[in-house]
């Protein structure tokens, strides 16, 4: 069953040449605030709450490594 369609974005063509995989350990009750704040940044492609060694894994796209 098809549930939808997703565009495939060529981030390089948009000038975003750097992909960052960010892994965070977060103290208890701060988790929802941290994930919400990360999701609010335009550079974040996706943000996951996960189990294991880390609490959050985020994927971001950036123009360069200079910040």
C-alpha atoms as a PDB file:
ATOM      1  CA  UNK A   1       0.000   0.000   0.000  1.00  0.00           C
ATOM      2  CA  UNK A   2       1.422   3.359  -0.988  1.00  0.00           C
ATOM      3  CA  UNK A   3       1.198   5.811   1.900  1.00  0.00           C
ATOM      4  CA  UNK A   4       2.699   8.795   0.113  1.00  0.00           C
ATOM      5  CA  UNK A   5       5.532  10.178  -1.949  1.00  0.00           C
ATOM      6  CA  UNK A   6       8.728  11.806  -0.740  1.00  0.00           C
ATOM      7  CA  UNK A   7      10.851  14.227  -2.748  1.00  0.00           C
ATOM      8  CA  UNK A   8      14.535  13.366  -3.124  1.00  0.00           C
ATOM      9  CA  UNK A   9      16.443  16.586  -2.539  1.00  0.00           C
ATOM     10  CA  UNK A  10      19.911  17.089  -4.008  1.00  0.00           C
ATOM     11  CA  UNK A  11      21.411  19.098  -1.145  1.00  0.00           C
ATOM     12  CA  UNK A  12      24.664  19.598  -3.047  1.00  0.00           C
ATOM     13  CA  UNK A  13      22.811  21.525  -5.738  1.00  0.00           C
ATOM     14  CA  UNK A  14      21.393  23.768  -3.006  1.00  0.00           C
ATOM     15  CA  UNK A  15      24.884  24.469  -1.664  1.00  0.00           C
ATOM     16  CA  UNK A  16      24.751  22.127   1.323  1.00  0.00           C
ATOM     17  CA  UNK A  17      27.960  20.143   0.872  1.00  0.00           C
ATOM     18  CA  UNK A  18      28.438  18.922   4.465  1.00  0.00           C
ATOM     19  CA  UNK A  19      26.365  16.256   6.205  1.00  0.00           C
ATOM     20  CA  UNK A  20      26.689  16.025   9.992  1.00  0.00           C
ATOM     21  CA  UNK A  21      25.569  13.049  12.050  1.00  0.00           C
ATOM     22  CA  UNK A  22      25.138  14.316  15.610  1.00  0.00           C
ATOM     23  CA  UNK A  23      24.880  11.952  18.580  1.00  0.00           C
ATOM     24  CA  UNK A  24      23.886  13.364  21.974  1.00  0.00           C
ATOM     25  CA  UNK A  25      23.562  12.071  25.509  1.00  0.00           C
ATOM     26  CA  UNK A  26      20.841  14.040  27.290  1.00  0.00           C
ATOM     27  CA  UNK A  27      20.013  14.326  30.990  1.00  0.00           C
ATOM     28  CA  UNK A  28      16.536  12.925  31.823  1.00  0.00           C
ATOM     29  CA  UNK A  29      13.775  15.496  31.505  1.00  0.00           C
ATOM     30  CA  UNK A  30      15.687  17.713  29.021  1.00  0.00           C
ATOM     31  CA  UNK A  31      15.142  15.232  26.170  1.00  0.00           C
ATOM     32  CA  UNK A  32      11.879  16.701  24.761  1.00  0.00           C
ATOM     33  CA  UNK A  33      13.264  20.249  24.880  1.00  0.00           C
ATOM     34  CA  UNK A  34      16.499  19.264  23.141  1.00  0.00           C
ATOM     35  CA  UNK A  35      14.748  17.351  20.348  1.00  0.00           C
ATOM     36  CA  UNK A  36      12.241  20.179  19.813  1.00  0.00           C
ATOM     37  CA  UNK A  37      15.024  22.760  19.643  1.00  0.00           C
ATOM     38  CA  UNK A  38      17.014  20.688  17.158  1.00  0.00           C
ATOM     39  CA  UNK A  39      13.944  20.124  14.976  1.00  0.00           C
ATOM     40  CA  UNK A  40      13.444  23.897  14.908  1.00  0.00           C
ATOM     41  CA  UNK A  41      16.739  24.476  13.080  1.00  0.00           C
ATOM     42  CA  UNK A  42      16.434  24.636   9.301  1.00  0.00           C
ATOM     43  CA  UNK A  43      19.693  22.715   8.900  1.00  0.00           C
ATOM     44  CA  UNK A  44      18.314  19.582  10.568  1.00  0.00           C
ATOM     45  CA  UNK A  45      17.026  17.003   8.124  1.00  0.00           C
ATOM     46  CA  UNK A  46      15.847  14.585  10.801  1.00  0.00           C
ATOM     47  CA  UNK A  47      16.054  14.133  14.568  1.00  0.00           C
ATOM     48  CA  UNK A  48      15.524  10.803  16.314  1.00  0.00           C
ATOM     49  CA  UNK A  49      15.110   9.889  19.977  1.00  0.00           C
ATOM     50  CA  UNK A  50      16.906   6.551  20.342  1.00  0.00           C
ATOM     51  CA  UNK A  51      17.888   3.984  22.936  1.00  0.00           C
ATOM     52  CA  UNK A  52      21.398   2.738  23.595  1.00  0.00           C
ATOM     53  CA  UNK A  53      24.594   4.700  24.221  1.00  0.00           C
ATOM     54  CA  UNK A  54      23.033   7.944  22.958  1.00  0.00           C
ATOM     55  CA  UNK A  55      19.630   9.549  23.462  1.00  0.00           C
ATOM     56  CA  UNK A  56      19.408  11.646  20.290  1.00  0.00           C
ATOM     57  CA  UNK A  57      20.739  11.171  16.775  1.00  0.00           C
ATOM     58  CA  UNK A  58      20.297  14.073  14.363  1.00  0.00           C
ATOM     59  CA  UNK A  59      21.242  14.515  10.727  1.00  0.00           C
ATOM     60  CA  UNK A  60      21.988  18.012   9.512  1.00  0.00           C
ATOM     61  CA  UNK A  61      23.052  19.575   6.207  1.00  0.00           C
ATOM     62  CA  UNK A  62      25.412  22.541   6.143  1.00  0.00           C
ATOM     63  CA  UNK A  63      27.081  24.733   3.511  1.00  0.00           C
ATOM     64  CA  UNK A  64      30.547  24.353   5.023  1.00  0.00           C
ATOM     65  CA  UNK A  65      32.380  23.428   8.222  1.00  0.00           C
ATOM     66  CA  UNK A  66      32.999  27.036   9.275  1.00  0.00           C
ATOM     67  CA  UNK A  67      29.797  27.282  11.279  1.00  0.00           C
END
